[in-house]
Amino acid sequence: MKDLHVGYAVVGALAVVLAALSSKIRQLPFSEPLLALVVGVVVGPEVLGWIRVPEGDRSSLVLEGGRALLAVSLIGVALRFPVRRLRAVLSPTVALVTVGMLGMAALSAGLAWLTLGVPLSLALLVGACISPTDPVLASSVVTGKPAEKHLPTRLRQLLSMESGTNDGLALPLVLVGIAVVVGDTVGSSLRDGAYQIGVGVLVGLVVGALAGRAVSYALSRSDVDPGSSLVFTLVLAFAVLGITRVLQADGVLSVFVAGLAYNYVVAEDEVGPQNTIDEGINRYLVLPLFLVLGVELPWSQWGDFGWGAVLLPLGVLVLRRLPVVLALARPLGLRWRDAVFLGWFGPIGVSALFYLTFSEDEGVLDPRLWAAGSLVVAASTVVHGVTSAPGRLLYRRVAGEPGD
């Protein structure tokens, strides 16, 4: 219990610092998750020893914390842009979350197998877990005044839609990877994935549309103030998550679909104030999870990987995404500079942590899964956190005024 209270104090103090620097933080070469990760390492058992997570609690803590954080983040992503304006990025989003994600999973699996020497089955699962682009870390790249000033709207929309969609669509890949590792049949895993996605999409559409109708009716009677409207969307995220979990469906994808359906039904000028969810997520709610990650980094297991602990994250950061996006640049309708930016800024974070611990919960007990996955997540948090602000400035310098 003492460790929990120390955690409250550390997260609260960090949040106060970030609130004080709120107008400057996005212009600096680091992100909120990176700061929380570093603080977690410092207060964790390897340095100060102030916080220790009880053995066996890490997986469930990260799993449920990641699930909740993804739900709130995805409802924010779904409300970020008026949904009717997203039609222009629909086709490229489909390409990225199908062909693109399969390519990223395959390349990541190959890198894990070659650099770490793990069994191919485990490498396939690692590749599946780290294949989705994380919406939480991606939000620090595409939201805020610096992003709106330096990046074109279409590029921000495309990264937002991809990161929102592929978190849920990665589930079948992860289920197949789990089946290969534990010896279950791939066919049953694919059927399970199809059921979870189908039910999740249906629940999201129905609940999101009904919620939108209810809010529109209340707004027409002036029964909803801005604060209540914002809280309503957060409650909607958790309601959808709870319903889908009861039905054993894909809650992550369902929340995003519900947000899009809600966005479509509610008037554009009423959705606008609610997209401030993004700012709250990236500044505050992300802090506890990355603090726990910093506390629980498996340093000794990374040491057991030898040079693989260097080669895997380096290979994943350079080869997992950039070649895939460059190869798809023409079908995606991207200029060269847009393809390079999109290919580099595809961070690996909360969604990967969620699927890593989900796999453990489903019976994958090999400790190398968490070691390999957390290594890549930590590297992505550091590298993408450091390069996000300079990357936006470099994009603007190369492209001139981005425009829309």
Protein backbone atom coordinates (compact mmCIF):
# COMPACT_ATOMS: atom_id res chain seq x y z
CA MET A 1 0.00 0.00 0.00
CA LYS A 2 2.90 2.36 0.73
CA ASP A 3 4.19 1.88 -2.83
CA LEU A 4 0.75 2.79 -4.16
CA HIS A 5 0.69 6.01 -2.17
CA VAL A 6 4.19 6.89 -3.31
CA GLY A 7 2.97 6.30 -6.87
CA TYR A 8 0.09 8.72 -6.32
CA ALA A 9 2.51 11.34 -5.05
CA VAL A 10 4.96 10.92 -7.92
CA VAL A 11 2.27 10.97 -10.62
CA GLY A 12 0.60 13.98 -9.00
CA ALA A 13 3.86 15.91 -8.78
CA LEU A 14 4.70 15.12 -12.40
CA ALA A 15 1.23 16.21 -13.50
CA VAL A 16 1.65 19.54 -11.67
CA VAL A 17 4.96 20.14 -13.46
CA LEU A 18 3.39 19.33 -16.82
CA ALA A 19 0.43 21.61 -16.11
CA ALA A 20 2.83 24.44 -15.32
CA LEU A 21 4.63 23.84 -18.63
CA SER A 22 1.50 23.17 -20.63
CA SER A 23 2.11 25.96 -23.14
CA LYS A 24 5.71 24.92 -23.80
CA ILE A 25 5.84 21.14 -23.48
CA ARG A 26 4.87 20.39 -27.10
CA GLN A 27 7.71 22.60 -28.35
CA LEU A 28 10.34 20.75 -26.33
CA PRO A 29 12.17 17.59 -27.50
CA PHE A 30 10.37 15.19 -25.19
CA SER A 31 6.85 13.95 -24.57
CA GLU A 32 4.72 13.31 -21.51
CA PRO A 33 5.00 9.49 -21.79
CA LEU A 34 8.79 9.81 -22.05
CA LEU A 35 8.94 11.92 -18.89
CA ALA A 36 6.76 9.41 -17.02
CA LEU A 37 8.91 6.52 -18.27
CA VAL A 38 12.12 8.19 -17.07
CA VAL A 39 10.59 9.04 -13.69
CA GLY A 40 9.42 5.42 -13.37
CA VAL A 41 12.96 4.17 -13.93
CA VAL A 42 14.32 6.61 -11.33
CA VAL A 43 11.78 5.74 -8.60
CA GLY A 44 11.79 2.03 -9.48
CA PRO A 45 13.83 -0.79 -7.97
CA GLU A 46 16.88 -0.22 -10.17
CA VAL A 47 17.61 3.30 -8.84
CA LEU A 48 15.82 4.77 -5.79
CA GLY A 49 13.63 1.78 -4.98
CA TRP A 50 10.66 3.88 -3.91
CA ILE A 51 8.10 1.86 -5.88
CA ARG A 52 7.96 -1.88 -6.46
CA VAL A 53 5.10 -3.67 -8.20
CA PRO A 54 4.28 -6.95 -6.41
CA GLU A 55 5.35 -9.99 -8.39
CA GLY A 56 2.50 -11.25 -10.53
CA ASP A 57 0.58 -7.96 -10.47
CA ARG A 58 2.36 -6.28 -13.38
CA SER A 59 0.50 -8.10 -16.13
CA SER A 60 -3.02 -7.45 -14.83
CA LEU A 61 -2.17 -3.87 -13.87
CA VAL A 62 -0.82 -3.00 -17.32
CA LEU A 63 -3.58 -4.97 -19.10
CA GLU A 64 -6.49 -3.19 -17.44
CA GLY A 65 -4.74 0.16 -17.28
CA GLY A 66 -3.88 -0.09 -20.97
CA ARG A 67 -7.42 -1.11 -21.88
CA ALA A 68 -8.92 1.86 -20.04
CA LEU A 69 -6.37 4.31 -21.42
CA LEU A 70 -6.94 3.08 -24.97
CA ALA A 71 -10.70 3.46 -24.54
CA VAL A 72 -10.45 7.08 -23.46
CA SER A 73 -7.77 7.85 -26.05
CA LEU A 74 -9.74 6.31 -28.89
CA ILE A 75 -12.91 8.23 -28.07
CA GLY A 76 -10.75 11.34 -28.24
CA VAL A 77 -9.28 10.31 -31.59
CA ALA A 78 -12.76 9.64 -32.96
CA LEU A 79 -13.86 13.16 -31.99
CA ARG A 80 -10.70 14.90 -33.17
CA PHE A 81 -12.01 15.74 -36.65
CA PRO A 82 -15.58 16.06 -37.96
CA VAL A 83 -16.26 12.57 -39.30
CA ARG A 84 -17.74 13.82 -42.56
CA ARG A 85 -14.38 15.36 -43.41
CA LEU A 86 -12.56 12.05 -43.07
CA ARG A 87 -13.82 10.53 -46.33
CA ALA A 88 -10.70 11.72 -48.13
CA VAL A 89 -8.50 9.52 -45.92
CA LEU A 90 -10.77 6.47 -45.88
CA SER A 91 -9.04 4.57 -48.70
CA PRO A 92 -5.47 5.20 -47.48
CA THR A 93 -6.52 4.26 -43.95
CA VAL A 94 -7.87 0.92 -45.21
CA ALA A 95 -4.57 0.29 -47.00
CA LEU A 96 -2.55 1.10 -43.90
CA VAL A 97 -4.59 -1.08 -41.51
CA THR A 98 -4.65 -4.09 -43.86
CA VAL A 99 -1.66 -4.43 -46.15
CA GLY A 100 0.39 -1.99 -44.11
CA MET A 101 -0.22 -3.62 -40.74
CA LEU A 102 0.41 -7.12 -42.11
CA GLY A 103 3.69 -5.91 -43.56
CA MET A 104 4.70 -4.27 -40.29
CA ALA A 105 3.83 -7.40 -38.30
CA ALA A 106 5.82 -9.63 -40.68
CA LEU A 107 8.89 -7.37 -40.68
CA SER A 108 8.79 -7.03 -36.88
CA ALA A 109 8.49 -10.79 -36.45
CA GLY A 110 11.43 -11.37 -38.76
CA LEU A 111 13.54 -8.86 -36.85
CA ALA A 112 12.67 -10.45 -33.49
CA TRP A 113 13.56 -13.90 -34.82
CA LEU A 114 16.86 -12.79 -36.37
CA THR A 115 18.13 -10.54 -33.58
CA LEU A 116 16.95 -12.36 -30.46
CA GLY A 117 17.08 -15.98 -31.57
CA VAL A 118 13.65 -16.69 -30.10
CA PRO A 119 11.41 -19.40 -31.61
CA LEU A 120 9.62 -18.32 -34.76
CA SER A 121 6.24 -18.81 -33.06
CA LEU A 122 7.16 -16.34 -30.31
CA ALA A 123 8.63 -13.94 -32.86
CA LEU A 124 5.33 -13.98 -34.76
CA LEU A 125 3.47 -13.03 -31.58
CA VAL A 126 5.93 -10.24 -30.79
CA GLY A 127 5.46 -8.91 -34.33
CA ALA A 128 1.68 -8.98 -33.99
CA CYS A 129 1.71 -7.21 -30.61
CA ILE A 130 3.88 -4.32 -31.81
CA SER A 131 2.28 -3.94 -35.25
CA PRO A 132 -0.46 -1.37 -34.43
CA THR A 133 0.37 2.32 -34.37
CA ASP A 134 -0.35 3.63 -30.91
CA PRO A 135 -3.07 6.32 -30.66
CA VAL A 136 -1.80 7.67 -27.34
CA LEU A 137 1.77 8.35 -28.45
CA ALA A 138 0.63 9.38 -31.93
CA SER A 139 -1.60 12.05 -30.36
CA SER A 140 1.47 13.87 -29.05
CA VAL A 141 2.64 14.18 -32.66
CA VAL A 142 -0.59 15.34 -34.33
CA THR A 143 -2.40 17.38 -31.65
CA GLY A 144 -1.78 20.78 -30.16
CA LYS A 145 -1.01 24.14 -31.73
CA PRO A 146 2.49 23.20 -33.00
CA ALA A 147 1.07 20.21 -34.91
CA GLU A 148 -1.77 22.28 -36.35
CA LYS A 149 0.73 24.94 -37.40
CA HIS A 150 3.39 22.68 -38.91
CA LEU A 151 1.51 19.69 -40.34
CA PRO A 152 -1.19 19.55 -43.03
CA THR A 153 -4.64 18.47 -41.93
CA ARG A 154 -4.73 15.41 -44.20
CA LEU A 155 -1.51 14.01 -42.72
CA ARG A 156 -2.80 14.48 -39.17
CA GLN A 157 -6.13 12.91 -40.13
CA LEU A 158 -4.46 9.90 -41.71
CA LEU A 159 -2.22 9.16 -38.73
CA SER A 160 -5.16 9.64 -36.36
CA MET A 161 -7.47 7.33 -38.32
CA GLU A 162 -4.81 4.67 -38.72
CA SER A 163 -3.87 4.67 -35.04
CA GLY A 164 -7.54 4.60 -34.05
CA THR A 165 -8.51 1.74 -36.36
CA ASN A 166 -5.60 -0.65 -36.25
CA ASP A 167 -5.55 -1.07 -32.47
CA GLY A 168 -8.70 -3.16 -32.62
CA LEU A 169 -7.96 -4.77 -35.99
CA ALA A 170 -4.66 -6.11 -34.66
CA LEU A 171 -6.61 -8.51 -32.44
CA PRO A 172 -6.88 -11.36 -35.02
CA LEU A 173 -3.13 -11.20 -35.63
CA VAL A 174 -2.47 -11.40 -31.90
CA LEU A 175 -4.94 -14.27 -31.44
CA VAL A 176 -3.26 -16.22 -34.24
CA GLY A 177 0.13 -15.54 -32.67
CA ILE A 178 -1.14 -16.78 -29.30
CA ALA A 179 -2.56 -19.91 -30.94
CA VAL A 180 0.77 -20.70 -32.60
CA VAL A 181 2.66 -20.29 -29.32
CA VAL A 182 0.31 -22.28 -27.07
CA GLY A 183 -0.61 -24.91 -29.67
CA ASP A 184 -4.24 -24.03 -30.37
CA THR A 185 -5.75 -24.18 -33.85
CA VAL A 186 -5.33 -21.11 -36.03
CA GLY A 187 -8.81 -21.56 -37.53
CA SER A 188 -10.55 -21.22 -34.18
CA SER A 189 -8.49 -18.13 -33.41
CA LEU A 190 -9.51 -16.53 -36.70
CA ARG A 191 -13.17 -17.31 -35.99
CA ASP A 192 -12.82 -15.83 -32.52
CA GLY A 193 -11.21 -12.72 -33.98
CA ALA A 194 -13.94 -12.35 -36.61
CA TYR A 195 -16.63 -12.68 -33.91
CA GLN A 196 -14.97 -10.15 -31.64
CA ILE A 197 -14.50 -7.60 -34.42
CA GLY A 198 -17.99 -8.10 -35.87
CA VAL A 199 -19.77 -7.80 -32.53
CA GLY A 200 -17.50 -4.94 -31.48
CA VAL A 201 -18.28 -2.93 -34.61
CA LEU A 202 -22.02 -3.60 -34.25
CA VAL A 203 -22.09 -2.57 -30.59
CA GLY A 204 -20.06 0.53 -31.36
CA LEU A 205 -22.35 1.62 -34.18
CA VAL A 206 -25.57 1.07 -32.22
CA VAL A 207 -24.46 2.54 -28.88
CA GLY A 208 -22.61 5.45 -30.48
CA ALA A 209 -25.55 6.39 -32.70
CA LEU A 210 -28.05 6.11 -29.84
CA ALA A 211 -25.80 8.23 -27.61
CA GLY A 212 -25.48 10.81 -30.36
CA ARG A 213 -29.25 10.98 -30.80
CA ALA A 214 -29.74 11.36 -27.06
CA VAL A 215 -27.22 14.18 -26.82
CA SER A 216 -28.62 15.93 -29.91
CA TYR A 217 -32.09 15.84 -28.35
CA ALA A 218 -30.76 17.17 -25.02
CA LEU A 219 -28.83 19.91 -26.81
CA SER A 220 -31.95 20.98 -28.69
CA ARG A 221 -33.58 21.55 -25.31
CA SER A 222 -30.45 23.25 -23.89
CA ASP A 223 -30.19 20.54 -21.24
CA VAL A 224 -26.45 19.87 -21.66
CA ASP A 225 -23.62 22.21 -20.68
CA PRO A 226 -20.08 21.86 -22.14
CA GLY A 227 -18.67 20.19 -19.04
CA SER A 228 -21.41 17.55 -18.95
CA SER A 229 -20.98 16.96 -22.67
CA LEU A 230 -17.29 16.22 -22.21
CA VAL A 231 -17.93 13.85 -19.30
CA PHE A 232 -20.65 12.15 -21.35
CA THR A 233 -18.17 11.06 -24.03
CA LEU A 234 -15.83 9.63 -21.41
CA VAL A 235 -18.70 7.71 -19.84
CA LEU A 236 -19.70 6.55 -23.32
CA ALA A 237 -16.22 5.09 -23.84
CA PHE A 238 -16.39 3.03 -20.66
CA ALA A 239 -19.99 1.98 -21.28
CA VAL A 240 -19.08 0.59 -24.70
CA LEU A 241 -16.00 -1.05 -23.26
CA GLY A 242 -18.07 -2.74 -20.56
CA ILE A 243 -20.78 -3.94 -22.95
CA THR A 244 -18.28 -5.45 -25.36
CA ARG A 245 -16.34 -7.15 -22.58
CA VAL A 246 -19.56 -8.76 -21.31
CA LEU A 247 -20.16 -10.00 -24.87
CA GLN A 248 -16.50 -11.11 -25.12
CA ALA A 249 -15.95 -8.84 -28.11
CA ASP A 250 -13.26 -6.39 -29.21
CA GLY A 251 -13.82 -3.46 -26.88
CA VAL A 252 -10.93 -1.39 -28.21
CA LEU A 253 -12.26 -1.24 -31.77
CA SER A 254 -15.83 -0.89 -30.51
CA VAL A 255 -15.03 2.29 -28.58
CA PHE A 256 -13.46 3.87 -31.66
CA VAL A 257 -16.45 2.93 -33.83
CA ALA A 258 -18.82 4.29 -31.18
CA GLY A 259 -16.92 7.57 -31.17
CA LEU A 260 -17.16 7.85 -34.95
CA ALA A 261 -20.88 7.05 -34.89
CA TYR A 262 -21.45 9.60 -32.13
CA ASN A 263 -19.38 12.14 -34.07
CA TYR A 264 -21.47 11.54 -37.19
CA VAL A 265 -24.80 12.02 -35.43
CA VAL A 266 -23.98 15.02 -33.21
CA ALA A 267 -23.68 18.44 -34.84
CA GLU A 268 -20.14 19.46 -35.78
CA ASP A 269 -20.07 22.53 -33.57
CA GLU A 270 -21.10 20.42 -30.57
CA VAL A 271 -18.42 17.76 -31.11
CA GLY A 272 -15.69 20.40 -31.31
CA PRO A 273 -15.39 21.21 -27.58
CA GLN A 274 -15.17 17.52 -26.73
CA ASN A 275 -11.98 16.89 -28.70
CA THR A 276 -10.08 18.40 -25.79
CA ILE A 277 -10.06 14.81 -24.47
CA ASP A 278 -6.83 14.38 -26.44
CA GLU A 279 -5.02 17.03 -24.45
CA GLY A 280 -6.06 15.54 -21.11
CA ILE A 281 -5.06 12.04 -22.18
CA ASN A 282 -1.58 12.94 -23.28
CA ARG A 283 -0.81 15.22 -20.38
CA TYR A 284 -2.22 13.35 -17.44
CA LEU A 285 -3.97 10.00 -17.86
CA VAL A 286 -0.99 8.50 -19.70
CA LEU A 287 1.35 9.19 -16.79
CA PRO A 288 0.50 6.27 -14.42
CA LEU A 289 0.85 3.58 -17.10
CA PHE A 290 4.23 4.77 -18.32
CA LEU A 291 5.38 5.24 -14.75
CA VAL A 292 4.57 1.56 -14.12
CA LEU A 293 6.36 0.64 -17.34
CA GLY A 294 9.49 2.47 -16.15
CA VAL A 295 9.31 0.65 -12.81
CA GLU A 296 8.85 -2.74 -14.48
CA LEU A 297 11.42 -2.60 -17.29
CA PRO A 298 13.17 -6.03 -17.33
CA TRP A 299 16.79 -4.85 -17.40
CA SER A 300 18.34 -8.24 -16.60
CA GLN A 301 16.39 -9.98 -19.36
CA TRP A 302 17.44 -7.28 -21.80
CA GLY A 303 21.01 -8.02 -20.81
CA ASP A 304 20.43 -11.69 -21.62
CA PHE A 305 19.56 -10.66 -25.19
CA GLY A 306 23.12 -9.39 -25.71
CA TRP A 307 23.51 -7.39 -28.90
CA GLY A 308 19.93 -8.27 -29.73
CA ALA A 309 18.84 -5.68 -27.15
CA VAL A 310 20.39 -3.05 -29.40
CA LEU A 311 19.66 -4.54 -32.82
CA LEU A 312 15.96 -5.30 -32.25
CA PRO A 313 14.76 -1.80 -31.31
CA LEU A 314 17.05 -0.21 -33.89
CA GLY A 315 15.79 -2.55 -36.60
CA VAL A 316 12.14 -2.10 -35.62
CA LEU A 317 12.36 1.70 -35.53
CA VAL A 318 14.00 1.88 -38.96
CA LEU A 319 12.60 -1.14 -40.82
CA ARG A 320 9.21 -1.98 -39.30
CA ARG A 321 7.22 0.89 -40.80
CA LEU A 322 9.19 3.23 -43.04
CA PRO A 323 9.75 0.77 -45.93
CA VAL A 324 6.09 -0.28 -45.84
CA VAL A 325 4.76 3.28 -46.00
CA LEU A 326 7.23 4.26 -48.72
CA ALA A 327 6.16 1.24 -50.77
CA LEU A 328 2.52 2.27 -50.34
CA ALA A 329 3.13 5.98 -50.95
CA ARG A 330 1.53 6.01 -54.39
CA PRO A 331 -1.62 4.07 -53.39
CA LEU A 332 -1.88 6.27 -50.30
CA GLY A 333 -1.63 9.41 -52.40
CA LEU A 334 1.32 10.70 -50.38
CA ARG A 335 4.08 13.00 -51.47
CA TRP A 336 7.59 11.84 -50.63
CA ARG A 337 7.96 14.09 -47.58
CA ASP A 338 4.54 13.02 -46.27
CA ALA A 339 5.41 9.34 -46.70
CA VAL A 340 8.71 9.80 -44.84
CA PHE A 341 7.01 11.63 -41.97
CA LEU A 342 4.18 9.09 -41.73
CA GLY A 343 6.67 6.23 -42.04
CA TRP A 344 8.78 7.50 -39.19
CA PHE A 345 6.05 8.60 -36.79
CA GLY A 346 4.22 5.36 -36.21
CA PRO A 347 4.95 5.00 -32.48
CA ILE A 348 4.65 1.77 -30.50
CA GLY A 349 3.17 2.24 -27.05
CA VAL A 350 0.00 1.58 -25.06
CA SER A 351 -1.60 -0.71 -27.65
CA ALA A 352 1.52 -2.90 -27.69
CA LEU A 353 1.61 -3.02 -23.89
CA PHE A 354 -2.06 -4.01 -23.91
CA TYR A 355 -1.54 -6.86 -26.38
CA LEU A 356 1.62 -8.09 -24.67
CA THR A 357 -0.17 -8.44 -21.33
CA PHE A 358 -3.31 -9.73 -23.07
CA SER A 359 -1.18 -12.53 -24.51
CA GLU A 360 0.17 -13.33 -21.06
CA ASP A 361 -3.37 -13.41 -19.72
CA GLU A 362 -4.26 -15.87 -22.50
CA GLY A 363 -1.56 -18.29 -21.40
CA VAL A 364 1.70 -17.20 -23.06
CA LEU A 365 4.14 -17.50 -20.16
CA ASP A 366 7.48 -17.08 -21.93
CA PRO A 367 9.15 -14.08 -20.18
CA ARG A 368 10.92 -13.18 -23.44
CA LEU A 369 7.60 -11.89 -24.80
CA TRP A 370 7.41 -9.09 -22.24
CA ALA A 371 11.16 -8.49 -22.45
CA ALA A 372 11.15 -8.09 -26.23
CA GLY A 373 7.93 -6.09 -26.39
CA SER A 374 8.76 -3.71 -23.55
CA LEU A 375 12.19 -3.13 -25.10
CA VAL A 376 10.62 -1.93 -28.33
CA VAL A 377 7.99 0.17 -26.53
CA ALA A 378 10.63 1.86 -24.38
CA ALA A 379 12.78 2.58 -27.43
CA SER A 380 9.83 4.00 -29.36
CA THR A 381 8.77 6.15 -26.41
CA VAL A 382 12.26 7.63 -26.15
CA VAL A 383 13.04 8.06 -29.84
CA HIS A 384 9.62 9.28 -31.01
CA GLY A 385 9.26 11.46 -27.95
CA VAL A 386 12.60 13.15 -28.63
CA THR A 387 12.04 13.54 -32.38
CA SER A 388 8.38 14.65 -32.47
CA ALA A 389 8.96 18.40 -32.03
CA PRO A 390 12.10 18.56 -34.26
CA GLY A 391 10.34 16.34 -36.81
CA ARG A 392 7.44 18.74 -37.15
CA LEU A 393 9.80 21.68 -37.55
CA LEU A 394 11.84 19.81 -40.16
CA TYR A 395 8.68 18.92 -42.05
CA ARG A 396 7.64 22.57 -42.14
CA ARG A 397 11.12 23.63 -43.29
CA VAL A 398 11.09 21.11 -46.13
CA ALA A 399 7.47 21.68 -47.15
CA GLY A 400 7.12 25.38 -46.44
CA GLU A 401 3.71 26.39 -45.09
CA PRO A 402 1.83 23.07 -45.05
CA GLY A 403 -1.67 24.33 -45.66
CA ASP A 404 -4.61 21.96 -45.67
